[in-house]
Amino acid sequence: MRQNNIKKYKCSIMGGGILQYEIIDFLKGFSIVTIVIMHLMQIYMKGLPNVVLLCASAGGTGVHVFIFCSGFGLYLSRLKKPLGYGNFLKKRFGKVYLPYIIVILISAWIPYMYQGADRIKAVFSHVFLYKMFIPEYESSFGEQFWFVSTIIQFYLVFIIVCKIKEKLSPRKMLFLAVGLSLFWWIFVALIGKADIRVWNSFFLQYFWEFVLGMLTAEYLYRGNEITIPRGLLALTSIVGFLLFGIMAVRGGVFKLFNDIPALMGYLSLAVLFYTLCRDPIKKVVLWLSKISYEWYLVHILVFETVFYFLRSDSLTAEIPIALFALIISIAAAYGYGKLISFLPK
């Protein structure tokens, strides 16, 4: 039977610990940390050895967990309180679109945040959301904004996906989701668009991950448990990252097909870390999860500003500058979260 208090739902991991829905918050916090650090190292710390920069790219796979958690959270909310299409989009507008556009408008006034001559067109592409179809605007004002396009695409189809899911068994729904993503990977590879963001980050690319999150939410909401041995988590993490690394190094069309090992490897590592880390660290990660979206929105703006004024060609100087930028970005995310809390939801 359904229960109203989601904290009562849990999934156990053999070897220790109880996973409640707290795990989803932890996954979001863990993911945002690795994503932000990856951007900091790869974009602004050019003095690092190539092998370190290559390893840092693994942190970017946290975006797959973000999508999984989005599917989980949205469908859990729907199970508790279904909304019609209009009300659902209205809620997303206040929670996601407005905070995003405010950061874009702030960035538009800062000269070093955009180097092109068509700044106004770039701003409009974000405001009216057509930048998700134009490669030169997709990551304007921040490398991370491609993700916002993808998640908004999921919002536009979410209610439709729910209607389809309600007519299918979980197994058939997952099979359909994987099939659609596989079709998209093959299609993009055949037309030679594998390296173009608006193609390789279209929502169908990650559709299977989003639906997996939805199905997991329903499974736990019905009172079921998930039991995973720590050894299996460790093995899946190693194998997943190994396959991801090989396919990432090969590049090209291989990147289209590496999402499955990327999600499995990263998700297993994150869950394993959750079961092993001490409470102080866990509390910090859970706190960061509360400002994960705000941090995602503002961190590039903060990094660009800090490194614009304090840039150095010396790795010795880059490290303290990077730590300073990281701390300021967290503070900015926290402050921004307080500011946008007054926006209509």
C-alpha atoms as a PDB file:
ATOM      1  CA  MET A   1       0.000   0.000   0.000  1.00  0.00           C
ATOM      2  CA  ARG A   2       1.098   3.597  -0.530  1.00  0.00           C
ATOM      3  CA  GLN A   3       2.511   5.582   2.344  1.00  0.00           C
ATOM      4  CA  ASN A   4       2.402   9.348   2.594  1.00  0.00           C
ATOM      5  CA  ASN A   5       5.733   9.923   4.326  1.00  0.00           C
ATOM      6  CA  ILE A   6       8.453   9.331   1.752  1.00  0.00           C
ATOM      7  CA  LYS A   7      11.136   9.148   4.460  1.00  0.00           C
ATOM      8  CA  LYS A   8       9.769   5.742   5.426  1.00  0.00           C
ATOM      9  CA  TYR A   9      10.697   4.261   2.098  1.00  0.00           C
ATOM     10  CA  LYS A  10      14.115   2.747   1.993  1.00  0.00           C
ATOM     11  CA  CYS A  11      16.333   0.436   0.048  1.00  0.00           C
ATOM     12  CA  SER A  12      19.000  -1.551   1.841  1.00  0.00           C
ATOM     13  CA  ILE A  13      22.532  -2.254   0.717  1.00  0.00           C
ATOM     14  CA  MET A  14      24.113  -5.500   1.853  1.00  0.00           C
ATOM     15  CA  GLY A  15      27.119  -4.812   4.017  1.00  0.00           C
ATOM     16  CA  GLY A  16      25.708  -1.881   5.903  1.00  0.00           C
ATOM     17  CA  GLY A  17      23.505   1.121   6.048  1.00  0.00           C
ATOM     18  CA  ILE A  18      19.993   2.119   5.121  1.00  0.00           C
ATOM     19  CA  LEU A  19      19.280   4.145   2.008  1.00  0.00           C
ATOM     20  CA  GLN A  20      16.248   6.384   2.276  1.00  0.00           C
ATOM     21  CA  TYR A  21      15.159   8.916  -0.307  1.00  0.00           C
ATOM     22  CA  GLU A  22      18.011  10.899   1.183  1.00  0.00           C
ATOM     23  CA  ILE A  23      20.137   8.995  -1.319  1.00  0.00           C
ATOM     24  CA  ILE A  24      18.614  10.990  -4.182  1.00  0.00           C
ATOM     25  CA  ASP A  25      19.615  14.264  -2.524  1.00  0.00           C
ATOM     26  CA  PHE A  26      23.076  12.843  -1.916  1.00  0.00           C
ATOM     27  CA  LEU A  27      23.394  11.813  -5.558  1.00  0.00           C
ATOM     28  CA  LYS A  28      22.512  15.347  -6.685  1.00  0.00           C
ATOM     29  CA  GLY A  29      25.014  16.853  -4.274  1.00  0.00           C
ATOM     30  CA  PHE A  30      27.751  14.410  -5.244  1.00  0.00           C
ATOM     31  CA  SER A  31      27.090  15.021  -8.941  1.00  0.00           C
ATOM     32  CA  ILE A  32      27.184  18.802  -8.749  1.00  0.00           C
ATOM     33  CA  VAL A  33      30.504  18.681  -6.889  1.00  0.00           C
ATOM     34  CA  THR A  34      32.182  16.563  -9.567  1.00  0.00           C
ATOM     35  CA  ILE A  35      30.643  18.564 -12.419  1.00  0.00           C
ATOM     36  CA  VAL A  36      31.780  21.908 -11.002  1.00  0.00           C
ATOM     37  CA  ILE A  37      35.281  20.625 -10.257  1.00  0.00           C
ATOM     38  CA  MET A  38      35.493  19.169 -13.771  1.00  0.00           C
ATOM     39  CA  HIS A  39      34.621  22.559 -15.300  1.00  0.00           C
ATOM     40  CA  LEU A  40      37.076  24.311 -12.996  1.00  0.00           C
ATOM     41  CA  MET A  41      39.963  22.024 -13.892  1.00  0.00           C
ATOM     42  CA  GLN A  42      39.362  21.561 -17.613  1.00  0.00           C
ATOM     43  CA  ILE A  43      38.464  25.136 -18.544  1.00  0.00           C
ATOM     44  CA  TYR A  44      40.528  27.249 -16.163  1.00  0.00           C
ATOM     45  CA  MET A  45      43.502  25.184 -14.959  1.00  0.00           C
ATOM     46  CA  LYS A  46      45.433  24.625 -18.171  1.00  0.00           C
ATOM     47  CA  GLY A  47      48.653  24.018 -16.274  1.00  0.00           C
ATOM     48  CA  LEU A  48      47.484  20.656 -14.967  1.00  0.00           C
ATOM     49  CA  PRO A  49      48.981  17.510 -16.538  1.00  0.00           C
ATOM     50  CA  ASN A  50      46.951  16.087 -19.418  1.00  0.00           C
ATOM     51  CA  VAL A  51      46.328  12.844 -17.551  1.00  0.00           C
ATOM     52  CA  VAL A  52      44.753  14.796 -14.672  1.00  0.00           C
ATOM     53  CA  LEU A  53      42.547  16.770 -17.052  1.00  0.00           C
ATOM     54  CA  LEU A  54      41.514  13.522 -18.736  1.00  0.00           C
ATOM     55  CA  CYS A  55      40.570  11.956 -15.396  1.00  0.00           C
ATOM     56  CA  ALA A  56      38.679  15.114 -14.456  1.00  0.00           C
ATOM     57  CA  SER A  57      36.398  14.562 -17.431  1.00  0.00           C
ATOM     58  CA  ALA A  58      34.896  11.604 -15.541  1.00  0.00           C
ATOM     59  CA  GLY A  59      33.334  14.154 -13.199  1.00  0.00           C
ATOM     60  CA  GLY A  60      31.175  15.368 -16.045  1.00  0.00           C
ATOM     61  CA  THR A  61      29.357  12.037 -16.107  1.00  0.00           C
ATOM     62  CA  GLY A  62      27.506  13.317 -13.058  1.00  0.00           C
ATOM     63  CA  VAL A  63      25.104  14.934 -15.512  1.00  0.00           C
ATOM     64  CA  HIS A  64      23.716  11.465 -16.225  1.00  0.00           C
ATOM     65  CA  VAL A  65      22.817  11.108 -12.552  1.00  0.00           C
ATOM     66  CA  PHE A  66      21.233  14.578 -12.660  1.00  0.00           C
ATOM     67  CA  ILE A  67      18.915  13.342 -15.407  1.00  0.00           C
ATOM     68  CA  PHE A  68      18.180  10.112 -13.532  1.00  0.00           C
ATOM     69  CA  CYS A  69      17.348  12.117 -10.396  1.00  0.00           C
ATOM     70  CA  SER A  70      15.159  14.495 -12.425  1.00  0.00           C
ATOM     71  CA  GLY A  71      13.086  11.590 -13.693  1.00  0.00           C
ATOM     72  CA  PHE A  72      12.911  10.189 -10.157  1.00  0.00           C
ATOM     73  CA  GLY A  73      11.868  13.469  -8.543  1.00  0.00           C
ATOM     74  CA  LEU A  74       9.341  14.502 -11.167  1.00  0.00           C
ATOM     75  CA  TYR A  75       7.578  11.157 -11.199  1.00  0.00           C
ATOM     76  CA  LEU A  76       7.600  10.879  -7.415  1.00  0.00           C
ATOM     77  CA  SER A  77       5.879  14.278  -7.275  1.00  0.00           C
ATOM     78  CA  ARG A  78       3.347  13.099  -9.828  1.00  0.00           C
ATOM     79  CA  LEU A  79       2.592   9.967  -7.802  1.00  0.00           C
ATOM     80  CA  LYS A  80       1.923  12.137  -4.769  1.00  0.00           C
ATOM     81  CA  LYS A  81       0.070  14.954  -6.550  1.00  0.00           C
ATOM     82  CA  PRO A  82      -0.664  14.658 -10.292  1.00  0.00           C
ATOM     83  CA  LEU A  83      -0.729  17.948 -12.203  1.00  0.00           C
ATOM     84  CA  GLY A  84      -2.183  18.803 -15.584  1.00  0.00           C
ATOM     85  CA  TYR A  85       0.101  19.880 -18.413  1.00  0.00           C
ATOM     86  CA  GLY A  86      -0.441  23.609 -17.889  1.00  0.00           C
ATOM     87  CA  ASN A  87       0.032  23.574 -14.122  1.00  0.00           C
ATOM     88  CA  PHE A  88       3.089  21.357 -14.441  1.00  0.00           C
ATOM     89  CA  LEU A  89       4.787  23.744 -16.886  1.00  0.00           C
ATOM     90  CA  LYS A  90       3.807  26.732 -14.753  1.00  0.00           C
ATOM     91  CA  LYS A  91       5.518  25.177 -11.751  1.00  0.00           C
ATOM     92  CA  ARG A  92       8.646  24.382 -13.778  1.00  0.00           C
ATOM     93  CA  PHE A  93       8.625  27.953 -15.135  1.00  0.00           C
ATOM     94  CA  GLY A  94       8.999  29.429 -11.677  1.00  0.00           C
ATOM     95  CA  LYS A  95      11.442  26.851 -10.378  1.00  0.00           C
ATOM     96  CA  VAL A  96      13.745  26.374 -13.372  1.00  0.00           C
ATOM     97  CA  TYR A  97      13.214  28.895 -16.177  1.00  0.00           C
ATOM     98  CA  LEU A  98      13.163  32.180 -14.218  1.00  0.00           C
ATOM     99  CA  PRO A  99      16.342  31.488 -12.176  1.00  0.00           C
ATOM    100  CA  TYR A 100      18.103  30.465 -15.382  1.00  0.00           C
ATOM    101  CA  ILE A 101      17.054  33.557 -17.335  1.00  0.00           C
ATOM    102  CA  ILE A 102      18.080  35.895 -14.523  1.00  0.00           C
ATOM    103  CA  VAL A 103      21.628  34.498 -14.703  1.00  0.00           C
ATOM    104  CA  ILE A 104      21.586  34.906 -18.495  1.00  0.00           C
ATOM    105  CA  LEU A 105      20.485  38.544 -18.230  1.00  0.00           C
ATOM    106  CA  ILE A 106      23.189  39.277 -15.648  1.00  0.00           C
ATOM    107  CA  SER A 107      25.815  37.581 -17.821  1.00  0.00           C
ATOM    108  CA  ALA A 108      24.652  39.572 -20.856  1.00  0.00           C
ATOM    109  CA  TRP A 109      25.807  42.806 -19.204  1.00  0.00           C
ATOM    110  CA  ILE A 110      29.308  41.477 -18.525  1.00  0.00           C
ATOM    111  CA  PRO A 111      31.617  41.966 -21.544  1.00  0.00           C
ATOM    112  CA  TYR A 112      33.861  38.928 -20.984  1.00  0.00           C
ATOM    113  CA  MET A 113      30.924  36.501 -20.707  1.00  0.00           C
ATOM    114  CA  TYR A 114      30.311  36.519 -24.476  1.00  0.00           C
ATOM    115  CA  GLN A 115      32.788  37.213 -27.238  1.00  0.00           C
ATOM    116  CA  GLY A 116      30.460  37.284 -30.242  1.00  0.00           C
ATOM    117  CA  ALA A 117      29.127  40.385 -31.969  1.00  0.00           C
ATOM    118  CA  ASP A 118      25.520  39.154 -31.818  1.00  0.00           C
ATOM    119  CA  ARG A 119      25.074  39.396 -28.049  1.00  0.00           C
ATOM    120  CA  ILE A 120      21.422  40.464 -28.227  1.00  0.00           C
ATOM    121  CA  LYS A 121      20.542  37.551 -30.504  1.00  0.00           C
ATOM    122  CA  ALA A 122      22.329  35.214 -28.107  1.00  0.00           C
ATOM    123  CA  VAL A 123      20.277  36.546 -25.187  1.00  0.00           C
ATOM    124  CA  PHE A 124      17.025  36.165 -27.119  1.00  0.00           C
ATOM    125  CA  SER A 125      17.966  32.590 -27.990  1.00  0.00           C
ATOM    126  CA  HIS A 126      17.947  31.801 -24.277  1.00  0.00           C
ATOM    127  CA  VAL A 127      14.877  33.843 -23.390  1.00  0.00           C
ATOM    128  CA  PHE A 128      12.778  32.257 -26.133  1.00  0.00           C
ATOM    129  CA  LEU A 129      14.485  28.852 -25.806  1.00  0.00           C
ATOM    130  CA  TYR A 130      15.368  28.402 -29.461  1.00  0.00           C
ATOM    131  CA  LYS A 131      19.086  28.254 -28.607  1.00  0.00           C
ATOM    132  CA  MET A 132      18.609  24.534 -28.023  1.00  0.00           C
ATOM    133  CA  PHE A 133      18.415  24.161 -31.805  1.00  0.00           C
ATOM    134  CA  ILE A 134      21.266  26.512 -32.813  1.00  0.00           C
ATOM    135  CA  PRO A 135      24.810  25.211 -32.147  1.00  0.00           C
ATOM    136  CA  GLU A 136      26.513  28.618 -31.807  1.00  0.00           C
ATOM    137  CA  TYR A 137      24.126  29.685 -29.054  1.00  0.00           C
ATOM    138  CA  GLU A 138      23.680  26.388 -27.200  1.00  0.00           C
ATOM    139  CA  SER A 139      26.500  27.026 -24.713  1.00  0.00           C
ATOM    140  CA  SER A 140      26.628  30.818 -24.929  1.00  0.00           C
ATOM    141  CA  PHE A 141      27.193  32.639 -21.607  1.00  0.00           C
ATOM    142  CA  GLY A 142      28.275  29.343 -20.049  1.00  0.00           C
ATOM    143  CA  GLU A 143      29.343  25.856 -21.109  1.00  0.00           C
ATOM    144  CA  GLN A 144      26.839  24.333 -18.705  1.00  0.00           C
ATOM    145  CA  PHE A 145      23.670  25.821 -20.192  1.00  0.00           C
ATOM    146  CA  TRP A 146      23.238  23.031 -22.732  1.00  0.00           C
ATOM    147  CA  PHE A 147      21.836  20.969 -19.851  1.00  0.00           C
ATOM    148  CA  VAL A 148      19.067  23.481 -19.214  1.00  0.00           C
ATOM    149  CA  SER A 149      17.919  23.037 -22.820  1.00  0.00           C
ATOM    150  CA  THR A 150      17.844  19.271 -22.385  1.00  0.00           C
ATOM    151  CA  ILE A 151      15.921  19.329 -19.123  1.00  0.00           C
ATOM    152  CA  ILE A 152      13.361  21.781 -20.522  1.00  0.00           C
ATOM    153  CA  GLN A 153      12.818  19.393 -23.429  1.00  0.00           C
ATOM    154  CA  PHE A 154      12.041  16.705 -20.853  1.00  0.00           C
ATOM    155  CA  TYR A 155       9.553  19.034 -19.162  1.00  0.00           C
ATOM    156  CA  LEU A 156       7.759  19.598 -22.459  1.00  0.00           C
ATOM    157  CA  VAL A 157       7.221  15.865 -22.996  1.00  0.00           C
ATOM    158  CA  PHE A 158       6.950  14.702 -19.379  1.00  0.00           C
ATOM    159  CA  ILE A 159       3.155  14.485 -19.127  1.00  0.00           C
ATOM    160  CA  ILE A 160       3.009  12.664 -22.460  1.00  0.00           C
ATOM    161  CA  VAL A 161       5.654  10.205 -21.248  1.00  0.00           C
ATOM    162  CA  CYS A 162       3.628   9.637 -18.071  1.00  0.00           C
ATOM    163  CA  LYS A 163       0.506   8.855 -20.097  1.00  0.00           C
ATOM    164  CA  ILE A 164       2.445   6.315 -22.157  1.00  0.00           C
ATOM    165  CA  LYS A 165       4.010   4.792 -19.059  1.00  0.00           C
ATOM    166  CA  GLU A 166       0.614   4.317 -17.424  1.00  0.00           C
ATOM    167  CA  LYS A 167      -0.378   2.049 -20.331  1.00  0.00           C
ATOM    168  CA  LEU A 168       2.753  -0.101 -20.251  1.00  0.00           C
ATOM    169  CA  SER A 169       4.391  -2.443 -17.770  1.00  0.00           C
ATOM    170  CA  PRO A 170       7.683  -1.183 -16.244  1.00  0.00           C
ATOM    171  CA  ARG A 171       9.669  -3.668 -18.344  1.00  0.00           C
ATOM    172  CA  LYS A 172       7.999  -2.583 -21.592  1.00  0.00           C
ATOM    173  CA  MET A 173       8.434   1.085 -20.707  1.00  0.00           C
ATOM    174  CA  LEU A 174      12.141   0.639 -20.055  1.00  0.00           C
ATOM    175  CA  PHE A 175      12.484  -1.368 -23.266  1.00  0.00           C
ATOM    176  CA  LEU A 176      10.746   1.442 -25.172  1.00  0.00           C
ATOM    177  CA  ALA A 177      12.960   4.100 -23.577  1.00  0.00           C
ATOM    178  CA  VAL A 178      16.190   2.238 -24.330  1.00  0.00           C
ATOM    179  CA  GLY A 179      14.974   1.571 -27.869  1.00  0.00           C
ATOM    180  CA  LEU A 180      14.236   5.259 -28.520  1.00  0.00           C
ATOM    181  CA  SER A 181      17.620   6.334 -27.164  1.00  0.00           C
ATOM    182  CA  LEU A 182      19.384   3.661 -29.197  1.00  0.00           C
ATOM    183  CA  PHE A 183      17.534   4.814 -32.314  1.00  0.00           C
ATOM    184  CA  TRP A 184      18.646   8.379 -31.641  1.00  0.00           C
ATOM    185  CA  TRP A 185      22.290   7.393 -31.120  1.00  0.00           C
ATOM    186  CA  ILE A 186      22.341   5.499 -34.407  1.00  0.00           C
ATOM    187  CA  PHE A 187      20.496   8.260 -36.270  1.00  0.00           C
ATOM    188  CA  VAL A 188      22.854  11.009 -35.062  1.00  0.00           C
ATOM    189  CA  ALA A 189      25.867   8.851 -35.912  1.00  0.00           C
ATOM    190  CA  LEU A 190      24.589   8.157 -39.441  1.00  0.00           C
ATOM    191  CA  ILE A 191      23.968  11.824 -40.249  1.00  0.00           C
ATOM    192  CA  GLY A 192      27.415  12.810 -38.958  1.00  0.00           C
ATOM    193  CA  LYS A 193      26.286  15.067 -36.089  1.00  0.00           C
ATOM    194  CA  ALA A 194      27.875  13.146 -33.212  1.00  0.00           C
ATOM    195  CA  ASP A 195      30.083  16.058 -32.118  1.00  0.00           C
ATOM    196  CA  ILE A 196      27.399  18.766 -32.280  1.00  0.00           C
ATOM    197  CA  ARG A 197      25.841  19.566 -28.912  1.00  0.00           C
ATOM    198  CA  VAL A 198      22.295  20.283 -30.069  1.00  0.00           C
ATOM    199  CA  TRP A 199      22.238  16.782 -31.547  1.00  0.00           C
ATOM    200  CA  ASN A 200      24.164  14.733 -28.995  1.00  0.00           C
ATOM    201  CA  SER A 201      22.302  16.365 -26.092  1.00  0.00           C
ATOM    202  CA  PHE A 202      18.770  16.227 -27.436  1.00  0.00           C
ATOM    203  CA  PHE A 203      16.468  14.713 -24.809  1.00  0.00           C
ATOM    204  CA  LEU A 204      16.192  11.371 -26.644  1.00  0.00           C
ATOM    205  CA  GLN A 205      19.922  10.895 -26.046  1.00  0.00           C
ATOM    206  CA  TYR A 206      19.221  10.573 -22.317  1.00  0.00           C
ATOM    207  CA  PHE A 207      15.623   9.370 -22.489  1.00  0.00           C
ATOM    208  CA  TRP A 208      16.437   5.928 -21.069  1.00  0.00           C
ATOM    209  CA  GLU A 209      18.124   7.482 -18.012  1.00  0.00           C
ATOM    210  CA  PHE A 210      15.167   9.749 -17.310  1.00  0.00           C
ATOM    211  CA  VAL A 211      12.680   6.869 -17.609  1.00  0.00           C
ATOM    212  CA  LEU A 212      14.884   4.661 -15.405  1.00  0.00           C
ATOM    213  CA  GLY A 213      14.601   7.353 -12.739  1.00  0.00           C
ATOM    214  CA  MET A 214      10.805   7.385 -13.119  1.00  0.00           C
ATOM    215  CA  LEU A 215      10.570   3.612 -12.814  1.00  0.00           C
ATOM    216  CA  THR A 216      12.857   3.577  -9.768  1.00  0.00           C
ATOM    217  CA  ALA A 217      10.687   6.206  -8.071  1.00  0.00           C
ATOM    218  CA  GLU A 218       7.548   4.155  -8.642  1.00  0.00           C
ATOM    219  CA  TYR A 219       9.221   0.942  -7.487  1.00  0.00           C
ATOM    220  CA  LEU A 220      10.272   2.476  -4.168  1.00  0.00           C
ATOM    221  CA  TYR A 221       7.027   4.414  -3.758  1.00  0.00           C
ATOM    222  CA  ARG A 222       5.146   1.122  -3.811  1.00  0.00           C
ATOM    223  CA  GLY A 223       7.087   0.057  -0.726  1.00  0.00           C
ATOM    224  CA  ASN A 224       9.723  -2.130  -2.399  1.00  0.00           C
ATOM    225  CA  GLU A 225      13.388  -2.298  -1.476  1.00  0.00           C
ATOM    226  CA  ILE A 226      16.555  -2.486  -3.558  1.00  0.00           C
ATOM    227  CA  THR A 227      19.412  -4.576  -2.213  1.00  0.00           C
ATOM    228  CA  ILE A 228      22.875  -4.163  -3.753  1.00  0.00           C
ATOM    229  CA  PRO A 229      26.091  -5.736  -2.385  1.00  0.00           C
ATOM    230  CA  ARG A 230      28.956  -3.308  -2.002  1.00  0.00           C
ATOM    231  CA  GLY A 231      31.192  -5.608  -3.990  1.00  0.00           C
ATOM    232  CA  LEU A 232      28.836  -5.422  -6.941  1.00  0.00           C
ATOM    233  CA  LEU A 233      28.758  -1.626  -6.678  1.00  0.00           C
ATOM    234  CA  ALA A 234      32.568  -1.519  -6.752  1.00  0.00           C
ATOM    235  CA  LEU A 235      32.782  -3.916  -9.702  1.00  0.00           C
ATOM    236  CA  THR A 236      30.109  -2.051 -11.689  1.00  0.00           C
ATOM    237  CA  SER A 237      31.873   1.236 -11.013  1.00  0.00           C
ATOM    238  CA  ILE A 238      35.230  -0.063 -12.256  1.00  0.00           C
ATOM    239  CA  VAL A 239      33.821  -1.740 -15.361  1.00  0.00           C
ATOM    240  CA  GLY A 240      31.552   1.227 -16.151  1.00  0.00           C
ATOM    241  CA  PHE A 241      34.329   3.815 -15.942  1.00  0.00           C
ATOM    242  CA  LEU A 242      36.724   1.582 -17.870  1.00  0.00           C
ATOM    243  CA  LEU A 243      34.280   1.239 -20.768  1.00  0.00           C
ATOM    244  CA  PHE A 244      33.389   4.933 -20.561  1.00  0.00           C
ATOM    245  CA  GLY A 245      37.053   5.916 -20.677  1.00  0.00           C
ATOM    246  CA  ILE A 246      37.822   3.720 -23.680  1.00  0.00           C
ATOM    247  CA  MET A 247      34.837   5.060 -25.631  1.00  0.00           C
ATOM    248  CA  ALA A 248      35.550   8.658 -24.628  1.00  0.00           C
ATOM    249  CA  VAL A 249      39.159   8.392 -25.802  1.00  0.00           C
ATOM    250  CA  ARG A 250      38.030   6.920 -29.119  1.00  0.00           C
ATOM    251  CA  GLY A 251      35.688   9.913 -29.450  1.00  0.00           C
ATOM    252  CA  GLY A 252      33.354  10.624 -32.365  1.00  0.00           C
ATOM    253  CA  VAL A 253      30.339   8.334 -32.575  1.00  0.00           C
ATOM    254  CA  PHE A 254      31.619   6.303 -29.616  1.00  0.00           C
ATOM    255  CA  LYS A 255      30.628   9.171 -27.312  1.00  0.00           C
ATOM    256  CA  LEU A 256      27.021   8.710 -28.381  1.00  0.00           C
ATOM    257  CA  PHE A 257      27.011   5.146 -27.084  1.00  0.00           C
ATOM    258  CA  ASN A 258      28.918   5.548 -23.819  1.00  0.00           C
ATOM    259  CA  ASP A 259      26.021   6.812 -21.721  1.00  0.00           C
ATOM    260  CA  ILE A 260      25.127   3.367 -20.355  1.00  0.00           C
ATOM    261  CA  PRO A 261      28.606   2.598 -18.899  1.00  0.00           C
ATOM    262  CA  ALA A 262      28.892   6.243 -17.817  1.00  0.00           C
ATOM    263  CA  LEU A 263      25.675   6.155 -15.776  1.00  0.00           C
ATOM    264  CA  MET A 264      26.263   2.675 -14.378  1.00  0.00           C
ATOM    265  CA  GLY A 265      29.861   3.445 -13.396  1.00  0.00           C
ATOM    266  CA  TYR A 266      29.188   6.861 -11.901  1.00  0.00           C
ATOM    267  CA  LEU A 267      25.937   5.893 -10.156  1.00  0.00           C
ATOM    268  CA  SER A 268      27.558   2.826  -8.581  1.00  0.00           C
ATOM    269  CA  LEU A 269      30.498   4.904  -7.364  1.00  0.00           C
ATOM    270  CA  ALA A 270      28.210   7.573  -5.899  1.00  0.00           C
ATOM    271  CA  VAL A 271      26.036   5.039  -4.068  1.00  0.00           C
ATOM    272  CA  LEU A 272      29.129   3.227  -2.795  1.00  0.00           C
ATOM    273  CA  PHE A 273      30.542   6.524  -1.544  1.00  0.00           C
ATOM    274  CA  TYR A 274      27.235   7.233   0.201  1.00  0.00           C
ATOM    275  CA  THR A 275      27.463   3.968   2.153  1.00  0.00           C
ATOM    276  CA  LEU A 276      31.090   4.549   3.132  1.00  0.00           C
ATOM    277  CA  CYS A 277      31.421   8.264   3.872  1.00  0.00           C
ATOM    278  CA  ARG A 278      31.177   9.602   7.404  1.00  0.00           C
ATOM    279  CA  ASP A 279      28.300  11.758   8.591  1.00  0.00           C
ATOM    280  CA  PRO A 280      30.139  15.148   8.444  1.00  0.00           C
ATOM    281  CA  ILE A 281      31.009  14.626   4.778  1.00  0.00           C
ATOM    282  CA  LYS A 282      27.549  13.297   4.025  1.00  0.00           C
ATOM    283  CA  LYS A 283      25.959  16.357   5.616  1.00  0.00           C
ATOM    284  CA  VAL A 284      28.076  18.685   3.487  1.00  0.00           C
ATOM    285  CA  VAL A 285      27.102  16.851   0.287  1.00  0.00           C
ATOM    286  CA  LEU A 286      23.429  16.883   1.299  1.00  0.00           C
ATOM    287  CA  TRP A 287      23.635  20.613   2.006  1.00  0.00           C
ATOM    288  CA  LEU A 288      25.195  21.230  -1.399  1.00  0.00           C
ATOM    289  CA  SER A 289      22.361  19.276  -3.003  1.00  0.00           C
ATOM    290  CA  LYS A 290      19.946  21.920  -1.705  1.00  0.00           C
ATOM    291  CA  ILE A 291      21.681  24.554  -3.828  1.00  0.00           C
ATOM    292  CA  SER A 292      22.704  22.209  -6.671  1.00  0.00           C
ATOM    293  CA  TYR A 293      20.672  23.958  -9.379  1.00  0.00           C
ATOM    294  CA  GLU A 294      21.720  27.439  -8.245  1.00  0.00           C
ATOM    295  CA  TRP A 295      25.359  26.318  -8.150  1.00  0.00           C
ATOM    296  CA  TYR A 296      25.037  24.813 -11.597  1.00  0.00           C
ATOM    297  CA  LEU A 297      23.666  28.097 -12.944  1.00  0.00           C
ATOM    298  CA  VAL A 298      26.211  30.505 -11.411  1.00  0.00           C
ATOM    299  CA  HIS A 299      29.495  28.627 -11.169  1.00  0.00           C
ATOM    300  CA  ILE A 300      30.793  29.455 -14.660  1.00  0.00           C
ATOM    301  CA  LEU A 301      29.901  33.130 -14.193  1.00  0.00           C
ATOM    302  CA  VAL A 302      31.874  33.176 -10.928  1.00  0.00           C
ATOM    303  CA  PHE A 303      34.814  31.250 -12.397  1.00  0.00           C
ATOM    304  CA  GLU A 304      35.008  33.535 -15.434  1.00  0.00           C
ATOM    305  CA  THR A 305      34.990  36.598 -13.178  1.00  0.00           C
ATOM    306  CA  VAL A 306      37.633  35.325 -10.751  1.00  0.00           C
ATOM    307  CA  PHE A 307      39.987  34.116 -13.465  1.00  0.00           C
ATOM    308  CA  TYR A 308      39.423  37.240 -15.560  1.00  0.00           C
ATOM    309  CA  PHE A 309      40.865  39.380 -12.775  1.00  0.00           C
ATOM    310  CA  LEU A 310      43.269  36.883 -11.184  1.00  0.00           C
ATOM    311  CA  ARG A 311      44.385  34.714 -14.109  1.00  0.00           C
ATOM    312  CA  SER A 312      47.923  33.341 -13.916  1.00  0.00           C
ATOM    313  CA  ASP A 313      50.025  31.140 -16.183  1.00  0.00           C
ATOM    314  CA  SER A 314      51.631  29.482 -13.182  1.00  0.00           C
ATOM    315  CA  LEU A 315      50.076  26.278 -11.871  1.00  0.00           C
ATOM    316  CA  THR A 316      51.349  27.197  -8.415  1.00  0.00           C
ATOM    317  CA  ALA A 317      49.226  30.331  -8.524  1.00  0.00           C
ATOM    318  CA  GLU A 318      46.301  28.682 -10.335  1.00  0.00           C
ATOM    319  CA  ILE A 319      45.600  26.250  -7.509  1.00  0.00           C
ATOM    320  CA  PRO A 320      44.848  28.837  -4.766  1.00  0.00           C
ATOM    321  CA  ILE A 321      42.938  30.943  -7.304  1.00  0.00           C
ATOM    322  CA  ALA A 322      40.850  27.902  -8.202  1.00  0.00           C
ATOM    323  CA  LEU A 323      40.125  27.139  -4.544  1.00  0.00           C
ATOM    324  CA  PHE A 324      39.118  30.771  -4.026  1.00  0.00           C
ATOM    325  CA  ALA A 325      36.842  30.631  -7.085  1.00  0.00           C
ATOM    326  CA  LEU A 326      35.275  27.393  -5.827  1.00  0.00           C
ATOM    327  CA  ILE A 327      34.470  28.893  -2.419  1.00  0.00           C
ATOM    328  CA  ILE A 328      33.059  32.072  -3.958  1.00  0.00           C
ATOM    329  CA  SER A 329      30.897  30.035  -6.331  1.00  0.00           C
ATOM    330  CA  ILE A 330      29.345  28.142  -3.401  1.00  0.00           C
ATOM    331  CA  ALA A 331      28.678  31.388  -1.565  1.00  0.00           C
ATOM    332  CA  ALA A 332      27.165  32.914  -4.713  1.00  0.00           C
ATOM    333  CA  ALA A 333      24.940  29.860  -5.204  1.00  0.00           C
ATOM    334  CA  TYR A 334      23.720  30.062  -1.617  1.00  0.00           C
ATOM    335  CA  GLY A 335      22.999  33.779  -1.930  1.00  0.00           C
ATOM    336  CA  TYR A 336      21.287  33.296  -5.262  1.00  0.00           C
ATOM    337  CA  GLY A 337      19.131  30.566  -3.768  1.00  0.00           C
ATOM    338  CA  LYS A 338      17.967  32.981  -1.082  1.00  0.00           C
ATOM    339  CA  LEU A 339      17.273  35.638  -3.702  1.00  0.00           C
ATOM    340  CA  ILE A 340      15.184  33.473  -6.022  1.00  0.00           C
ATOM    341  CA  SER A 341      13.225  32.017  -3.122  1.00  0.00           C
ATOM    342  CA  PHE A 342      11.030  35.104  -3.494  1.00  0.00           C
ATOM    343  CA  LEU A 343      10.158  34.274  -7.096  1.00  0.00           C
ATOM    344  CA  PRO A 344       6.671  32.881  -7.815  1.00  0.00           C
ATOM    345  CA  LYS A 345       6.599  29.104  -7.725  1.00  0.00           C
END
